[in-house]
PDB file of N, CA and C in Angstrom:
ATOM      1  N   MET A   1     -44.183-168.810 -18.389  1.00  0.00           N
ATOM      2  CA  MET A   1     -44.705-169.725 -17.414  1.00  0.00           C
ATOM      3  C   MET A   1     -44.016-171.070 -17.630  1.00  0.00           C
ATOM      4  N   PHE A   2     -44.000-171.887 -16.584  1.00  0.00           N
ATOM      5  CA  PHE A   2     -43.298-173.160 -16.634  1.00  0.00           C
ATOM      6  C   PHE A   2     -44.132-174.281 -16.032  1.00  0.00           C
ATOM      7  N   VAL A   3     -44.018-175.457 -16.640  1.00  0.00           N
ATOM      8  CA  VAL A   3     -44.518-176.687 -16.056  1.00  0.00           C
ATOM      9  C   VAL A   3     -43.287-177.415 -15.535  1.00  0.00           C
ATOM     10  N   MET A   4     -43.266-177.651 -14.237  1.00  0.00           N
ATOM     11  CA  MET A   4     -42.171-178.359 -13.590  1.00  0.00           C
ATOM     12  C   MET A   4     -42.693-179.752 -13.228  1.00  0.00           C
ATOM     13  N   GLU A   5     -42.212-180.768 -13.941  1.00  0.00           N
ATOM     14  CA  GLU A   5     -42.681-182.124 -13.685  1.00  0.00           C
ATOM     15  C   GLU A   5     -41.623-182.901 -12.916  1.00  0.00           C
ATOM     16  N   LEU A   6     -42.030-183.429 -11.766  1.00  0.00           N
ATOM     17  CA  LEU A   6     -41.145-184.241 -10.925  1.00  0.00           C
ATOM     18  C   LEU A   6     -41.429-185.709 -11.192  1.00  0.00           C
ATOM     19  N   THR A   7     -40.379-186.503 -11.271  1.00  0.00           N
ATOM     20  CA  THR A   7     -40.503-187.949 -11.357  1.00  0.00           C
ATOM     21  C   THR A   7     -39.651-188.552 -10.249  1.00  0.00           C
ATOM     22  N   TYR A   8     -40.278-189.380  -9.417  1.00  0.00           N
ATOM     23  CA  TYR A   8     -39.536-190.018  -8.329  1.00  0.00           C
ATOM     24  C   TYR A   8     -38.545-191.027  -8.886  1.00  0.00           C
ATOM     25  N   ILE A   9     -37.355-191.019  -8.302  1.00  0.00           N
ATOM     26  CA  ILE A   9     -36.308-191.953  -8.713  1.00  0.00           C
ATOM     27  C   ILE A   9     -35.792-192.764  -7.526  1.00  0.00           C
ATOM     28  N   ALA A  10     -36.517-192.719  -6.433  1.00  0.00           N
ATOM     29  CA  ALA A  10     -36.121-193.434  -5.215  1.00  0.00           C
ATOM     30  C   ALA A  10     -37.357-194.115  -4.634  1.00  0.00           C
ATOM     31  N   PRO A  11     -37.159-195.074  -3.741  1.00  0.00           N
ATOM     32  CA  PRO A  11     -38.295-195.737  -3.090  1.00  0.00           C
ATOM     33  C   PRO A  11     -39.156-194.728  -2.321  1.00  0.00           C
ATOM     34  N   MET A  12     -40.446-195.062  -2.203  1.00  0.00           N
ATOM     35  CA  MET A  12     -41.401-194.144  -1.568  1.00  0.00           C
ATOM     36  C   MET A  12     -41.050-193.823  -0.121  1.00  0.00           C
ATOM     37  N   ASP A  13     -40.378-194.718   0.601  1.00  0.00           N
ATOM     38  CA  ASP A  13     -40.023-194.390   1.982  1.00  0.00           C
ATOM     39  C   ASP A  13     -39.050-193.202   2.018  1.00  0.00           C
ATOM     40  N   ARG A  14     -38.155-193.108   1.042  1.00  0.00           N
ATOM     41  CA  ARG A  14     -37.239-191.959   0.975  1.00  0.00           C
ATOM     42  C   ARG A  14     -37.976-190.695   0.550  1.00  0.00           C
ATOM     43  N   VAL A  15     -38.939-190.841  -0.356  1.00  0.00           N
ATOM     44  CA  VAL A  15     -39.760-189.692  -0.767  1.00  0.00           C
ATOM     45  C   VAL A  15     -40.527-189.168   0.443  1.00  0.00           C
ATOM     46  N   GLU A  16     -41.170-190.059   1.154  1.00  0.00           N
ATOM     47  CA  GLU A  16     -41.953-189.666   2.339  1.00  0.00           C
ATOM     48  C   GLU A  16     -41.076-189.006   3.401  1.00  0.00           C
ATOM     49  N   ALA A  17     -39.849-189.462   3.562  1.00  0.00           N
ATOM     50  CA  ALA A  17     -38.949-188.874   4.561  1.00  0.00           C
ATOM     51  C   ALA A  17     -38.633-187.409   4.230  1.00  0.00           C
ATOM     52  N   ALA A  18     -38.562-187.069   2.944  1.00  0.00           N
ATOM     53  CA  ALA A  18     -38.260-185.694   2.529  1.00  0.00           C
ATOM     54  C   ALA A  18     -39.510-184.842   2.344  1.00  0.00           C
ATOM     55  N   HIS A  19     -40.689-185.439   2.472  1.00  0.00           N
ATOM     56  CA  HIS A  19     -41.942-184.743   2.187  1.00  0.00           C
ATOM     57  C   HIS A  19     -42.198-183.508   3.050  1.00  0.00           C
ATOM     58  N   PRO A  20     -42.000-183.535   4.376  1.00  0.00           N
ATOM     59  CA  PRO A  20     -42.259-182.322   5.168  1.00  0.00           C
ATOM     60  C   PRO A  20     -41.420-181.122   4.711  1.00  0.00           C
ATOM     61  N   GLU A  21     -40.155-181.351   4.383  1.00  0.00           N
ATOM     62  CA  GLU A  21     -39.297-180.263   3.912  1.00  0.00           C
ATOM     63  C   GLU A  21     -39.736-179.786   2.528  1.00  0.00           C
ATOM     64  N   HIS A  22     -40.181-180.723   1.694  1.00  0.00           N
ATOM     65  CA  HIS A  22     -40.695-180.371   0.362  1.00  0.00           C
ATOM     66  C   HIS A  22     -41.923-179.477   0.497  1.00  0.00           C
ATOM     67  N   LEU A  23     -42.826-179.801   1.426  1.00  0.00           N
ATOM     68  CA  LEU A  23     -44.023-178.978   1.628  1.00  0.00           C
ATOM     69  C   LEU A  23     -43.662-177.570   2.089  1.00  0.00           C
ATOM     70  N   ALA A  24     -42.692-177.440   2.971  1.00  0.00           N
ATOM     71  CA  ALA A  24     -42.248-176.113   3.418  1.00  0.00           C
ATOM     72  C   ALA A  24     -41.642-175.327   2.257  1.00  0.00           C
ATOM     73  N   TRP A  25     -40.886-176.008   1.407  1.00  0.00           N
ATOM     74  CA  TRP A  25     -40.292-175.397   0.209  1.00  0.00           C
ATOM     75  C   TRP A  25     -41.395-174.907  -0.728  1.00  0.00           C
ATOM     76  N   LEU A  26     -42.424-175.733  -0.948  1.00  0.00           N
ATOM     77  CA  LEU A  26     -43.565-175.310  -1.761  1.00  0.00           C
ATOM     78  C   LEU A  26     -44.200-174.052  -1.184  1.00  0.00           C
ATOM     79  N   ASP A  27     -44.475-174.067   0.120  1.00  0.00           N
ATOM     80  CA  ASP A  27     -45.115-172.925   0.774  1.00  0.00           C
ATOM     81  C   ASP A  27     -44.323-171.637   0.560  1.00  0.00           C
ATOM     82  N   ALA A  28     -43.004-171.718   0.654  1.00  0.00           N
ATOM     83  CA  ALA A  28     -42.162-170.530   0.470  1.00  0.00           C
ATOM     84  C   ALA A  28     -42.299-169.973  -0.946  1.00  0.00           C
ATOM     85  N   HIS A  29     -42.395-170.852  -1.936  1.00  0.00           N
ATOM     86  CA  HIS A  29     -42.504-170.385  -3.320  1.00  0.00           C
ATOM     87  C   HIS A  29     -43.923-169.943  -3.670  1.00  0.00           C
ATOM     88  N   TYR A  30     -44.933-170.477  -2.989  1.00  0.00           N
ATOM     89  CA  TYR A  30     -46.280-169.915  -3.120  1.00  0.00           C
ATOM     90  C   TYR A  30     -46.297-168.508  -2.528  1.00  0.00           C
ATOM     91  N   ALA A  31     -45.678-168.335  -1.372  1.00  0.00           N
ATOM     92  CA  ALA A  31     -45.656-167.025  -0.700  1.00  0.00           C
ATOM     93  C   ALA A  31     -44.935-165.975  -1.541  1.00  0.00           C
ATOM     94  N   SER A  32     -43.919-166.396  -2.286  1.00  0.00           N
ATOM     95  CA  SER A  32     -43.175-165.444  -3.117  1.00  0.00           C
ATOM     96  C   SER A  32     -43.885-165.147  -4.432  1.00  0.00           C
ATOM     97  N   GLY A  33     -44.962-165.877  -4.730  1.00  0.00           N
ATOM     98  CA  GLY A  33     -45.723-165.646  -5.948  1.00  0.00           C
ATOM     99  C   GLY A  33     -45.230-166.409  -7.165  1.00  0.00           C
ATOM    100  N   VAL A  34     -44.248-167.278  -6.997  1.00  0.00           N
ATOM    101  CA  VAL A  34     -43.703-168.033  -8.141  1.00  0.00           C
ATOM    102  C   VAL A  34     -44.576-169.235  -8.486  1.00  0.00           C
ATOM    103  N   PHE A  35     -45.116-169.937  -7.506  1.00  0.00           N
ATOM    104  CA  PHE A  35     -45.914-171.127  -7.767  1.00  0.00           C
ATOM    105  C   PHE A  35     -47.401-170.778  -7.783  1.00  0.00           C
ATOM    106  N   LEU A  36     -48.119-171.327  -8.780  1.00  0.00           N
ATOM    107  CA  LEU A  36     -49.564-171.116  -8.903  1.00  0.00           C
ATOM    108  C   LEU A  36     -50.370-172.340  -8.510  1.00  0.00           C
ATOM    109  N   ALA A  37     -49.843-173.527  -8.786  1.00  0.00           N
ATOM    110  CA  ALA A  37     -50.553-174.778  -8.499  1.00  0.00           C
ATOM    111  C   ALA A  37     -49.528-175.902  -8.427  1.00  0.00           C
ATOM    112  N   SER A  38     -49.868-176.933  -7.667  1.00  0.00           N
ATOM    113  CA  SER A  38     -48.997-178.111  -7.580  1.00  0.00           C
ATOM    114  C   SER A  38     -49.811-179.292  -7.100  1.00  0.00           C
ATOM    115  N   GLY A  39     -49.278-180.488  -7.350  1.00  0.00           N
ATOM    116  CA  GLY A  39     -49.948-181.677  -6.853  1.00  0.00           C
ATOM    117  C   GLY A  39     -49.289-182.948  -7.345  1.00  0.00           C
ATOM    118  N   ARG A  40     -49.727-184.054  -6.785  1.00  0.00           N
ATOM    119  CA  ARG A  40     -49.207-185.379  -7.135  1.00  0.00           C
ATOM    120  C   ARG A  40     -49.753-185.816  -8.479  1.00  0.00           C
ATOM    121  N   LYS A  41     -48.956-186.594  -9.189  1.00  0.00           N
ATOM    122  CA  LYS A  41     -49.428-187.236 -10.409  1.00  0.00           C
ATOM    123  C   LYS A  41     -50.153-188.526 -10.033  1.00  0.00           C
ATOM    124  N   GLU A  42     -50.985-188.990 -10.930  1.00  0.00           N
ATOM    125  CA  GLU A  42     -51.665-190.262 -10.756  1.00  0.00           C
ATOM    126  C   GLU A  42     -51.348-191.114 -11.966  1.00  0.00           C
ATOM    127  N   PRO A  43     -50.676-192.227 -11.852  1.00  0.00           N
ATOM    128  CA  PRO A  43     -50.269-192.852 -10.604  1.00  0.00           C
ATOM    129  C   PRO A  43     -49.207-192.024  -9.885  1.00  0.00           C
ATOM    130  N   ARG A  44     -49.031-192.310  -8.623  1.00  0.00           N
ATOM    131  CA  ARG A  44     -48.151-191.523  -7.767  1.00  0.00           C
ATOM    132  C   ARG A  44     -46.681-191.849  -8.046  1.00  0.00           C
ATOM    133  N   ASP A  45     -46.197-191.277  -9.134  1.00  0.00           N
ATOM    134  CA  ASP A  45     -44.792-191.460  -9.477  1.00  0.00           C
ATOM    135  C   ASP A  45     -44.063-190.124  -9.564  1.00  0.00           C
ATOM    136  N   GLY A  46     -44.693-189.083  -8.996  1.00  0.00           N
ATOM    137  CA  GLY A  46     -44.086-187.756  -9.012  1.00  0.00           C
ATOM    138  C   GLY A  46     -45.157-186.698  -8.830  1.00  0.00           C
ATOM    139  N   GLY A  47     -44.876-185.507  -9.354  1.00  0.00           N
ATOM    140  CA  GLY A  47     -45.810-184.405  -9.208  1.00  0.00           C
ATOM    141  C   GLY A  47     -45.609-183.371 -10.305  1.00  0.00           C
ATOM    142  N   VAL A  48     -46.447-182.338 -10.260  1.00  0.00           N
ATOM    143  CA  VAL A  48     -46.401-181.258 -11.230  1.00  0.00           C
ATOM    144  C   VAL A  48     -46.552-179.939 -10.490  1.00  0.00           C
ATOM    145  N   ILE A  49     -45.772-178.944 -10.909  1.00  0.00           N
ATOM    146  CA  ILE A  49     -45.866-177.588 -10.364  1.00  0.00           C
ATOM    147  C   ILE A  49     -46.026-176.642 -11.539  1.00  0.00           C
ATOM    148  N   LEU A  50     -46.956-175.699 -11.432  1.00  0.00           N
ATOM    149  CA  LEU A  50     -47.119-174.634 -12.412  1.00  0.00           C
ATOM    150  C   LEU A  50     -46.483-173.386 -11.813  1.00  0.00           C
ATOM    151  N   ALA A  51     -45.468-172.851 -12.502  1.00  0.00           N
ATOM    152  CA  ALA A  51     -44.690-171.730 -11.971  1.00  0.00           C
ATOM    153  C   ALA A  51     -44.721-170.539 -12.924  1.00  0.00           C
ATOM    154  N   VAL A  52     -44.708-169.356 -12.358  1.00  0.00           N
ATOM    155  CA  VAL A  52     -44.695-168.109 -13.115  1.00  0.00           C
ATOM    156  C   VAL A  52     -43.259-167.608 -13.203  1.00  0.00           C
ATOM    157  N   GLY A  53     -42.891-167.139 -14.378  1.00  0.00           N
ATOM    158  CA  GLY A  53     -41.569-166.558 -14.543  1.00  0.00           C
ATOM    159  C   GLY A  53     -41.168-166.510 -15.995  1.00  0.00           C
ATOM    160  N   ASP A  54     -40.138-165.748 -16.283  1.00  0.00           N
ATOM    161  CA  ASP A  54     -39.599-165.635 -17.634  1.00  0.00           C
ATOM    162  C   ASP A  54     -38.171-166.158 -17.711  1.00  0.00           C
ATOM    163  N   ASP A  55     -37.560-166.424 -16.563  1.00  0.00           N
ATOM    164  CA  ASP A  55     -36.147-166.790 -16.499  1.00  0.00           C
ATOM    165  C   ASP A  55     -35.998-168.279 -16.212  1.00  0.00           C
ATOM    166  N   ARG A  56     -35.712-169.052 -17.251  1.00  0.00           N
ATOM    167  CA  ARG A  56     -35.588-170.501 -17.100  1.00  0.00           C
ATOM    168  C   ARG A  56     -34.502-170.863 -16.089  1.00  0.00           C
ATOM    169  N   ALA A  57     -33.380-170.138 -16.106  1.00  0.00           N
ATOM    170  CA  ALA A  57     -32.289-170.438 -15.175  1.00  0.00           C
ATOM    171  C   ALA A  57     -32.760-170.306 -13.731  1.00  0.00           C
ATOM    172  N   LYS A  58     -33.608-169.331 -13.449  1.00  0.00           N
ATOM    173  CA  LYS A  58     -34.130-169.147 -12.086  1.00  0.00           C
ATOM    174  C   LYS A  58     -35.032-170.319 -11.690  1.00  0.00           C
ATOM    175  N   ILE A  59     -35.872-170.763 -12.616  1.00  0.00           N
ATOM    176  CA  ILE A  59     -36.755-171.896 -12.326  1.00  0.00           C
ATOM    177  C   ILE A  59     -35.930-173.164 -12.119  1.00  0.00           C
ATOM    178  N   GLU A  60     -34.893-173.351 -12.910  1.00  0.00           N
ATOM    179  CA  GLU A  60     -34.011-174.510 -12.733  1.00  0.00           C
ATOM    180  C   GLU A  60     -33.312-174.450 -11.380  1.00  0.00           C
ATOM    181  N   GLU A  61     -32.910-173.261 -10.957  1.00  0.00           N
ATOM    182  CA  GLU A  61     -32.291-173.082  -9.637  1.00  0.00           C
ATOM    183  C   GLU A  61     -33.276-173.445  -8.531  1.00  0.00           C
ATOM    184  N   ILE A  62     -34.517-173.010  -8.684  1.00  0.00           N
ATOM    185  CA  ILE A  62     -35.558-173.347  -7.708  1.00  0.00           C
ATOM    186  C   ILE A  62     -35.729-174.865  -7.642  1.00  0.00           C
ATOM    187  N   ALA A  63     -35.778-175.525  -8.792  1.00  0.00           N
ATOM    188  CA  ALA A  63     -35.931-176.990  -8.821  1.00  0.00           C
ATOM    189  C   ALA A  63     -34.770-177.678  -8.102  1.00  0.00           C
ATOM    190  N   ARG A  64     -33.559-177.190  -8.326  1.00  0.00           N
ATOM    191  CA  ARG A  64     -32.390-177.796  -7.659  1.00  0.00           C
ATOM    192  C   ARG A  64     -32.444-177.612  -6.142  1.00  0.00           C
ATOM    193  N   SER A  65     -33.134-176.566  -5.671  1.00  0.00           N
ATOM    194  CA  SER A  65     -33.222-176.310  -4.232  1.00  0.00           C
ATOM    195  C   SER A  65     -34.331-177.104  -3.542  1.00  0.00           C
ATOM    196  N   ASP A  66     -35.169-177.784  -4.306  1.00  0.00           N
ATOM    197  CA  ASP A  66     -36.241-178.606  -3.736  1.00  0.00           C
ATOM    198  C   ASP A  66     -35.612-179.678  -2.849  1.00  0.00           C
ATOM    199  N   PRO A  67     -36.079-179.824  -1.620  1.00  0.00           N
ATOM    200  CA  PRO A  67     -35.556-180.886  -0.767  1.00  0.00           C
ATOM    201  C   PRO A  67     -35.643-182.279  -1.406  1.00  0.00           C
ATOM    202  N   PHE A  68     -36.605-182.509  -2.281  1.00  0.00           N
ATOM    203  CA  PHE A  68     -36.650-183.766  -3.022  1.00  0.00           C
ATOM    204  C   PHE A  68     -35.420-183.901  -3.923  1.00  0.00           C
ATOM    205  N   SER A  69     -35.029-182.807  -4.582  1.00  0.00           N
ATOM    206  CA  SER A  69     -33.828-182.835  -5.425  1.00  0.00           C
ATOM    207  C   SER A  69     -32.581-183.033  -4.576  1.00  0.00           C
ATOM    208  N   VAL A  70     -32.493-182.267  -3.489  1.00  0.00           N
ATOM    209  CA  VAL A  70     -31.331-182.339  -2.602  1.00  0.00           C
ATOM    210  C   VAL A  70     -31.163-183.748  -2.048  1.00  0.00           C
ATOM    211  N   ALA A  71     -32.279-184.395  -1.711  1.00  0.00           N
ATOM    212  CA  ALA A  71     -32.242-185.758  -1.166  1.00  0.00           C
ATOM    213  C   ALA A  71     -32.052-186.811  -2.252  1.00  0.00           C
ATOM    214  N   GLY A  72     -32.083-186.396  -3.511  1.00  0.00           N
ATOM    215  CA  GLY A  72     -31.888-187.346  -4.608  1.00  0.00           C
ATOM    216  C   GLY A  72     -33.052-188.284  -4.830  1.00  0.00           C
ATOM    217  N   VAL A  73     -34.278-187.819  -4.530  1.00  0.00           N
ATOM    218  CA  VAL A  73     -35.441-188.695  -4.700  1.00  0.00           C
ATOM    219  C   VAL A  73     -36.280-188.351  -5.927  1.00  0.00           C
ATOM    220  N   CYS A  74     -35.931-187.270  -6.646  1.00  0.00           N
ATOM    221  CA  CYS A  74     -36.688-186.941  -7.849  1.00  0.00           C
ATOM    222  C   CYS A  74     -35.791-186.301  -8.889  1.00  0.00           C
ATOM    223  N   GLU A  75     -36.287-186.331 -10.122  1.00  0.00           N
ATOM    224  CA  GLU A  75     -35.680-185.597 -11.220  1.00  0.00           C
ATOM    225  C   GLU A  75     -36.740-184.656 -11.764  1.00  0.00           C
ATOM    226  N   TYR A  76     -36.313-183.520 -12.287  1.00  0.00           N
ATOM    227  CA  TYR A  76     -37.233-182.533 -12.861  1.00  0.00           C
ATOM    228  C   TYR A  76     -37.122-182.495 -14.367  1.00  0.00           C
ATOM    229  N   SER A  77     -38.272-182.320 -15.002  1.00  0.00           N
ATOM    230  CA  SER A  77     -38.369-181.955 -16.406  1.00  0.00           C
ATOM    231  C   SER A  77     -39.087-180.610 -16.411  1.00  0.00           C
ATOM    232  N   ILE A  78     -38.486-179.605 -17.029  1.00  0.00           N
ATOM    233  CA  ILE A  78     -39.056-178.257 -17.005  1.00  0.00           C
ATOM    234  C   ILE A  78     -39.391-177.843 -18.432  1.00  0.00           C
ATOM    235  N   THR A  79     -40.649-177.418 -18.619  1.00  0.00           N
ATOM    236  CA  THR A  79     -41.123-176.975 -19.920  1.00  0.00           C
ATOM    237  C   THR A  79     -41.612-175.535 -19.798  1.00  0.00           C
ATOM    238  N   GLN A  80     -41.056-174.658 -20.605  1.00  0.00           N
ATOM    239  CA  GLN A  80     -41.538-173.276 -20.645  1.00  0.00           C
ATOM    240  C   GLN A  80     -42.631-173.176 -21.702  1.00  0.00           C
ATOM    241  N   PHE A  81     -43.667-172.398 -21.390  1.00  0.00           N
ATOM    242  CA  PHE A  81     -44.713-172.133 -22.371  1.00  0.00           C
ATOM    243  C   PHE A  81     -45.247-170.720 -22.164  1.00  0.00           C
ATOM    244  N   TYR A  82     -45.947-170.225 -23.173  1.00  0.00           N
ATOM    245  CA  TYR A  82     -46.541-168.894 -23.107  1.00  0.00           C
ATOM    246  C   TYR A  82     -48.042-169.055 -22.927  1.00  0.00           C
ATOM    247  N   ALA A  83     -48.557-168.582 -21.801  1.00  0.00           N
ATOM    248  CA  ALA A  83     -49.973-168.696 -21.472  1.00  0.00           C
ATOM    249  C   ALA A  83     -50.737-167.599 -22.225  1.00  0.00           C
ATOM    250  N   THR A  84     -50.961-167.823 -23.501  1.00  0.00           N
ATOM    251  CA  THR A  84     -51.625-166.821 -24.330  1.00  0.00           C
ATOM    252  C   THR A  84     -53.135-166.819 -24.130  1.00  0.00           C
ATOM    253  N   LYS A  85     -53.668-167.881 -23.559  1.00  0.00           N
ATOM    254  CA  LYS A  85     -55.091-167.981 -23.267  1.00  0.00           C
ATOM    255  C   LYS A  85     -55.236-168.604 -21.884  1.00  0.00           C
ATOM    256  N   THR A  86     -56.115-168.043 -21.064  1.00  0.00           N
ATOM    257  CA  THR A  86     -56.323-168.544 -19.709  1.00  0.00           C
ATOM    258  C   THR A  86     -57.794-168.446 -19.333  1.00  0.00           C
ATOM    259  N   ALA A  87     -58.154-169.102 -18.252  1.00  0.00           N
ATOM    260  CA  ALA A  87     -59.459-168.887 -17.633  1.00  0.00           C
ATOM    261  C   ALA A  87     -59.475-167.459 -17.087  1.00  0.00           C
ATOM    262  N   PRO A  88     -60.651-166.851 -16.954  1.00  0.00           N
ATOM    263  CA  PRO A  88     -60.705-165.477 -16.442  1.00  0.00           C
ATOM    264  C   PRO A  88     -59.964-165.282 -15.117  1.00  0.00           C
ATOM    265  N   ALA A  89     -60.021-166.268 -14.237  1.00  0.00           N
ATOM    266  CA  ALA A  89     -59.359-166.130 -12.935  1.00  0.00           C
ATOM    267  C   ALA A  89     -57.839-166.043 -13.057  1.00  0.00           C
ATOM    268  N   LEU A  90     -57.284-166.478 -14.181  1.00  0.00           N
ATOM    269  CA  LEU A  90     -55.829-166.451 -14.392  1.00  0.00           C
ATOM    270  C   LEU A  90     -55.413-165.385 -15.413  1.00  0.00           C
ATOM    271  N   GLU A  91     -56.307-164.474 -15.721  1.00  0.00           N
ATOM    272  CA  GLU A  91     -56.047-163.461 -16.735  1.00  0.00           C
ATOM    273  C   GLU A  91     -54.752-162.691 -16.490  1.00  0.00           C
ATOM    274  N   GLN A  92     -54.432-162.416 -15.244  1.00  0.00           N
ATOM    275  CA  GLN A  92     -53.212-161.655 -14.944  1.00  0.00           C
ATOM    276  C   GLN A  92     -51.936-162.379 -15.366  1.00  0.00           C
ATOM    277  N   TYR A  93     -52.032-163.684 -15.644  1.00  0.00           N
ATOM    278  CA  TYR A  93     -50.853-164.464 -16.029  1.00  0.00           C
ATOM    279  C   TYR A  93     -50.740-164.663 -17.541  1.00  0.00           C
ATOM    280  N   ARG A  94     -51.654-164.081 -18.304  1.00  0.00           N
ATOM    281  CA  ARG A  94     -51.565-164.200 -19.767  1.00  0.00           C
ATOM    282  C   ARG A  94     -50.289-163.543 -20.257  1.00  0.00           C
ATOM    283  N   GLN A  95     -49.707-164.156 -21.300  1.00  0.00           N
ATOM    284  CA  GLN A  95     -48.459-163.674 -21.842  1.00  0.00           C
ATOM    285  C   GLN A  95     -48.552-163.554 -23.364  1.00  0.00           C
ATOM    286  N   PRO A  96     -48.014-162.492 -23.917  1.00  0.00           N
ATOM    287  CA  PRO A  96     -47.950-162.424 -25.375  1.00  0.00           C
ATOM    288  C   PRO A  96     -46.843-163.337 -25.873  1.00  0.00           C
ATOM    289  N   MET A  97     -46.985-163.805 -27.096  1.00  0.00           N
ATOM    290  CA  MET A  97     -45.912-164.575 -27.729  1.00  0.00           C
ATOM    291  C   MET A  97     -44.743-163.622 -27.962  1.00  0.00           C
ATOM    292  N   PRO A  98     -43.519-164.075 -27.731  1.00  0.00           N
ATOM    293  CA  PRO A  98     -42.368-163.199 -27.977  1.00  0.00           C
ATOM    294  C   PRO A  98     -42.197-162.937 -29.479  1.00  0.00           C
ATOM    295  N   ALA A  99     -41.661-161.784 -29.800  1.00  0.00           N
ATOM    296  CA  ALA A  99     -41.402-161.445 -31.203  1.00  0.00           C
ATOM    297  C   ALA A  99     -40.334-162.372 -31.750  1.00  0.00           C
ATOM    298  N   ARG A 100     -40.460-162.743 -32.975  1.00  0.00           N
ATOM    299  CA  ARG A 100     -39.475-163.628 -33.600  1.00  0.00           C
ATOM    300  C   ARG A 100     -38.590-162.856 -34.517  1.00  0.00           C
TER     301      ARG A 100
END
């Protein structure tokens, strides 16, 4: 699983201009089952996306395809983690720790 953290690097008017395309991009990744949750940070200097997957390169590719990235209004920080414990509603996303 991945935490995708967006940080805005452009004025809010440029962020707002790319927002409709960003929302459509989010919807497509929710429909494909990759995104579980997303939302704005407070203060409003970016956002966070919780994504399912095992392939970091694929998640990085998805981040680069974000209209916010394409427009140059945000940067991504991506953190992979293993969801070894979850709320019951997220049980299907639990992951074992990889063998060392």
